[in-house]
Amino acid sequence: MGKETVDALVEGGKASAAPPLGSSLGPMKVNIGQVVSEINEKTKIFKGMKVPVKVIVDTDTKEFKIEVGTPPVTQLIKKEVNLEIGSGEPNKLKVGDIAFEQVIKLAKMKQDAILANNFKAAVKTVIGVCGTMGILIDGKDFKTIMKEVNEGKYDELIKEEKTEISEERKAELDKINKELQAKQKEVLKQKEAEKAAAAAAIPAAKEAAPGTPGAAAPAAGTAKPEAKKEAKK
């Protein structure tokens, strides 16, 4: 029979025997509870993030092996800035700010998965994802940072693969991120209110339209133009 592989995306430390994981493993007659337990043990460090895992099952012996990948770049960025959702308008609404050292850290975590030609290319990939999510890097837009990277401004930092920032800098970024995300929530709340108002206006407009049920009747004592012409005759 050989080996079969099941791929799944699970929340760190919270895999369960429910579909799709359980339904995929069921036909293989493997101990699903044991598989889930091992997955949760190996992914608990990624709490709050989605993690790709592979369950490789020997269909003869029912033995299995768990391989844990790293979460998608977007999930890692969200974790880094404690963000719930990215910006729907990344060019207008910024929702987070990270240090360049944090970009390097994420690039190191994803270098193999990104399959970049070199480490600098992996860094640029992470910068690009930050741009699509509305994330600033050292307070700068991703286009500005990308231009500076191409000009070699960060070559030494990339070469050193520096990933740590001071506690002072971390506290500063935390404050900025809270402010940006508070603004994001206000914008989303306003959009929801506008959407609700627009939805409520549709039935009201239909109700007031001439010829529709519920439309206001002509005022007493008024006559249509045709009726007035008939009266003159």
Protein backbone atom coordinates (compact mmCIF):
# COMPACT_ATOMS: atom_id res chain seq x y z
CA MET A 1 0.00 0.00 0.00
CA GLY A 2 2.78 2.50 0.88
CA LYS A 3 2.31 5.93 2.35
CA GLU A 4 -0.38 8.56 2.08
CA THR A 5 -0.19 12.23 3.01
CA VAL A 6 -2.92 14.47 4.38
CA ASP A 7 -2.39 18.23 4.17
CA ALA A 8 -4.29 20.52 6.52
CA LEU A 9 -4.30 24.10 7.77
CA VAL A 10 -4.99 24.19 11.51
CA GLU A 11 -5.02 26.82 14.22
CA GLY A 12 -1.94 26.47 16.38
CA GLY A 13 -2.68 24.11 19.28
CA LYS A 14 -6.35 23.76 18.34
CA ALA A 15 -6.54 20.95 15.77
CA SER A 16 -9.54 18.64 16.16
CA ALA A 17 -10.89 15.37 14.79
CA ALA A 18 -13.63 17.28 12.97
CA PRO A 19 -13.59 17.59 9.16
CA PRO A 20 -11.60 18.10 7.08
CA LEU A 21 -8.75 16.53 9.08
CA GLY A 22 -10.79 13.77 10.71
CA SER A 23 -12.65 12.81 7.54
CA SER A 24 -9.37 12.60 5.61
CA LEU A 25 -7.66 10.40 8.21
CA GLY A 26 -10.66 8.16 8.94
CA PRO A 27 -10.32 5.85 5.90
CA MET A 28 -6.66 5.24 6.80
CA LYS A 29 -7.66 3.58 10.12
CA VAL A 30 -5.07 5.62 11.98
CA ASN A 31 -5.46 6.71 15.62
CA ILE A 32 -6.99 10.13 14.94
CA GLY A 33 -6.93 11.21 18.58
CA GLN A 34 -3.21 10.51 18.78
CA VAL A 35 -2.58 12.40 15.54
CA VAL A 36 -4.53 15.43 16.76
CA SER A 37 -2.73 15.39 20.10
CA GLU A 38 0.68 15.38 18.45
CA ILE A 39 -0.31 18.14 16.02
CA ASN A 40 -1.46 20.34 18.91
CA GLU A 41 1.73 19.71 20.84
CA LYS A 42 3.89 20.66 17.86
CA THR A 43 1.84 23.73 16.87
CA LYS A 44 1.07 25.26 20.28
CA ILE A 45 3.83 27.86 19.79
CA PHE A 46 1.77 29.23 16.89
CA LYS A 47 -1.27 29.95 19.05
CA GLY A 48 -3.69 32.27 17.28
CA MET A 49 -2.23 31.54 13.83
CA LYS A 50 -3.10 29.15 11.03
CA VAL A 51 -0.37 26.55 10.50
CA PRO A 52 0.05 24.15 7.56
CA VAL A 53 0.69 20.55 8.63
CA LYS A 54 1.36 17.28 6.82
CA VAL A 55 0.31 13.93 8.27
CA ILE A 56 2.28 11.17 6.56
CA VAL A 57 0.66 7.78 7.21
CA ASP A 58 2.11 4.32 6.57
CA THR A 59 -1.05 2.55 5.43
CA ASP A 60 0.41 -0.88 6.32
CA THR A 61 1.65 -0.26 9.85
CA LYS A 62 -0.68 2.70 10.63
CA GLU A 63 2.34 4.61 11.92
CA PHE A 64 2.39 8.32 11.16
CA LYS A 65 4.71 11.31 11.06
CA ILE A 66 3.74 14.97 11.53
CA GLU A 67 5.49 17.72 9.60
CA VAL A 68 4.67 21.30 10.61
CA GLY A 69 5.18 24.14 8.19
CA THR A 70 5.18 27.83 9.06
CA PRO A 71 2.04 29.94 8.90
CA PRO A 72 1.43 32.11 5.82
CA VAL A 73 3.30 35.44 5.78
CA THR A 74 0.03 37.30 6.36
CA GLN A 75 -0.61 35.35 9.57
CA LEU A 76 2.93 36.02 10.82
CA ILE A 77 2.55 39.74 10.14
CA LYS A 78 -0.80 39.83 11.96
CA LYS A 79 0.80 38.12 14.94
CA GLU A 80 3.69 40.58 14.89
CA VAL A 81 1.42 43.64 15.12
CA ASN A 82 -1.48 41.99 17.00
CA LEU A 83 -3.80 42.64 14.07
CA GLU A 84 -7.21 41.04 13.46
CA ILE A 85 -7.75 41.93 9.78
CA GLY A 86 -5.68 43.69 7.15
CA SER A 87 -6.64 46.96 5.54
CA GLY A 88 -9.29 46.89 2.85
CA GLU A 89 -7.72 50.06 1.45
CA PRO A 90 -3.95 49.61 1.97
CA ASN A 91 -3.06 52.76 0.00
CA LYS A 92 -5.30 54.93 2.21
CA LEU A 93 -5.78 53.18 5.54
CA LYS A 94 -2.68 51.99 7.41
CA VAL A 95 -3.33 49.45 10.16
CA GLY A 96 0.09 48.61 11.55
CA ASP A 97 3.79 49.45 11.75
CA ILE A 98 6.73 47.07 12.18
CA ALA A 99 10.48 47.53 12.37
CA PHE A 100 12.72 46.44 9.52
CA GLU A 101 14.32 43.93 11.90
CA GLN A 102 10.91 42.26 12.24
CA VAL A 103 10.68 42.00 8.46
CA ILE A 104 14.04 40.21 8.49
CA LYS A 105 12.77 37.84 11.20
CA LEU A 106 9.70 36.93 9.14
CA ALA A 107 11.82 36.49 6.00
CA LYS A 108 14.05 34.03 7.90
CA MET A 109 11.01 32.07 9.04
CA LYS A 110 9.60 31.86 5.51
CA GLN A 111 12.77 31.76 3.39
CA ASP A 112 12.44 28.09 2.41
CA ALA A 113 8.72 28.35 1.70
CA ILE A 114 9.10 31.54 -0.34
CA LEU A 115 11.71 29.85 -2.57
CA ALA A 116 13.46 33.17 -3.16
CA ASN A 117 16.75 33.26 -5.08
CA ASN A 118 18.49 34.88 -2.11
CA PHE A 119 17.71 36.23 1.35
CA LYS A 120 17.31 39.81 0.15
CA ALA A 121 14.63 38.61 -2.28
CA ALA A 122 12.83 36.90 0.62
CA VAL A 123 12.93 40.18 2.57
CA LYS A 124 11.43 42.00 -0.42
CA THR A 125 8.63 39.43 -0.60
CA VAL A 126 7.68 40.12 3.02
CA ILE A 127 7.79 43.87 2.33
CA GLY A 128 5.40 43.36 -0.57
CA VAL A 129 2.93 41.46 1.63
CA CYS A 130 3.12 44.26 4.21
CA GLY A 131 2.12 46.65 1.42
CA THR A 132 -0.98 44.67 0.49
CA MET A 133 -2.08 44.59 4.14
CA GLY A 134 -1.61 48.29 4.86
CA ILE A 135 1.40 47.75 7.15
CA LEU A 136 4.07 50.43 7.47
CA ILE A 137 7.74 49.56 8.00
CA ASP A 138 9.59 51.94 10.32
CA GLY A 139 6.79 54.40 9.64
CA LYS A 140 7.31 54.29 5.87
CA ASP A 141 5.08 53.07 3.04
CA PHE A 142 6.19 49.78 1.47
CA LYS A 143 7.01 51.52 -1.85
CA THR A 144 9.46 53.83 -0.09
CA ILE A 145 11.03 50.93 1.80
CA MET A 146 11.28 48.83 -1.37
CA LYS A 147 13.05 51.68 -3.16
CA GLU A 148 15.51 52.05 -0.28
CA VAL A 149 16.16 48.28 -0.25
CA ASN A 150 16.86 48.33 -3.98
CA GLU A 151 19.26 51.22 -3.43
CA GLY A 152 21.17 49.13 -0.87
CA LYS A 153 20.28 51.19 2.21
CA TYR A 154 19.48 48.06 4.24
CA ASP A 155 22.14 45.74 2.82
CA GLU A 156 24.21 45.68 6.01
CA LEU A 157 21.18 45.00 8.21
CA ILE A 158 20.05 42.20 5.87
CA LYS A 159 23.54 40.70 5.76
CA GLU A 160 23.72 40.64 9.56
CA GLU A 161 20.20 39.12 9.64
CA LYS A 162 19.42 41.25 12.66
CA THR A 163 15.98 40.36 14.05
CA GLU A 164 15.86 41.89 17.53
CA ILE A 165 14.61 45.34 18.52
CA SER A 166 14.94 47.14 21.83
CA GLU A 167 12.18 47.05 24.43
CA GLU A 168 11.84 50.80 24.02
CA ARG A 169 11.30 50.48 20.27
CA LYS A 170 8.86 47.61 20.82
CA ALA A 171 6.82 49.72 23.23
CA GLU A 172 6.82 52.59 20.75
CA LEU A 173 5.54 50.34 17.96
CA ASP A 174 2.87 48.83 20.24
CA LYS A 175 1.53 52.31 20.93
CA ILE A 176 1.50 53.21 17.22
CA ASN A 177 -0.25 49.95 16.33
CA LYS A 178 -2.97 50.48 18.91
CA GLU A 179 -3.63 53.97 17.54
CA LEU A 180 -3.74 52.78 13.92
CA GLN A 181 -6.04 49.87 14.73
CA ALA A 182 -8.35 52.10 16.77
CA LYS A 183 -8.67 54.31 13.70
CA GLN A 184 -9.30 51.22 11.54
CA LYS A 185 -12.17 50.16 13.83
CA GLU A 186 -13.70 53.64 13.61
CA VAL A 187 -13.55 53.54 9.81
CA LEU A 188 -15.09 50.06 9.68
CA LYS A 189 -17.82 51.10 12.12
CA GLN A 190 -18.63 54.15 10.00
CA LYS A 191 -18.79 52.06 6.83
CA GLU A 192 -21.15 49.59 8.50
CA ALA A 193 -23.39 52.45 9.59
CA GLU A 194 -23.43 53.90 6.06
CA LYS A 195 -24.19 50.47 4.62
CA ALA A 196 -27.07 49.97 7.05
CA ALA A 197 -28.46 53.44 6.26
CA ALA A 198 -28.30 52.76 2.53
CA ALA A 199 -30.07 49.42 2.97
CA ALA A 200 -32.82 51.05 5.06
CA ALA A 201 -33.32 53.79 2.44
CA ILE A 202 -34.19 51.34 -0.36
CA PRO A 203 -37.57 50.13 0.99
CA ALA A 204 -38.43 53.69 2.03
CA ALA A 205 -37.81 54.95 -1.50
CA LYS A 206 -39.93 52.16 -2.97
CA GLU A 207 -42.75 52.98 -0.56
CA ALA A 208 -42.77 56.62 -1.63
CA ALA A 209 -42.54 55.92 -5.39
CA PRO A 210 -45.72 56.88 -7.39
CA GLY A 211 -47.93 53.96 -8.36
CA THR A 212 -46.64 51.64 -5.68
CA PRO A 213 -48.69 50.26 -2.79
CA GLY A 214 -48.60 52.69 0.07
CA ALA A 215 -47.80 55.70 -2.14
CA ALA A 216 -49.50 58.91 -1.03
CA ALA A 217 -52.92 59.56 -2.64
CA PRO A 218 -53.54 62.90 -4.43
CA ALA A 219 -54.71 65.61 -2.06
CA ALA A 220 -58.46 66.25 -1.80
CA GLY A 221 -59.79 68.89 -4.18
CA THR A 222 -57.06 68.41 -6.76
CA ALA A 223 -57.78 67.04 -10.15
CA LYS A 224 -55.65 65.60 -12.87
CA PRO A 225 -54.92 67.87 -15.87
CA GLU A 226 -57.19 65.71 -18.07
CA ALA A 227 -60.08 66.18 -15.63
CA LYS A 228 -59.66 69.96 -15.69
CA LYS A 229 -59.80 70.00 -19.50
CA GLU A 230 -63.01 67.97 -19.46
CA ALA A 231 -64.58 70.43 -17.01
CA LYS A 232 -63.81 73.41 -19.27
CA LYS A 233 -65.56 71.70 -22.15
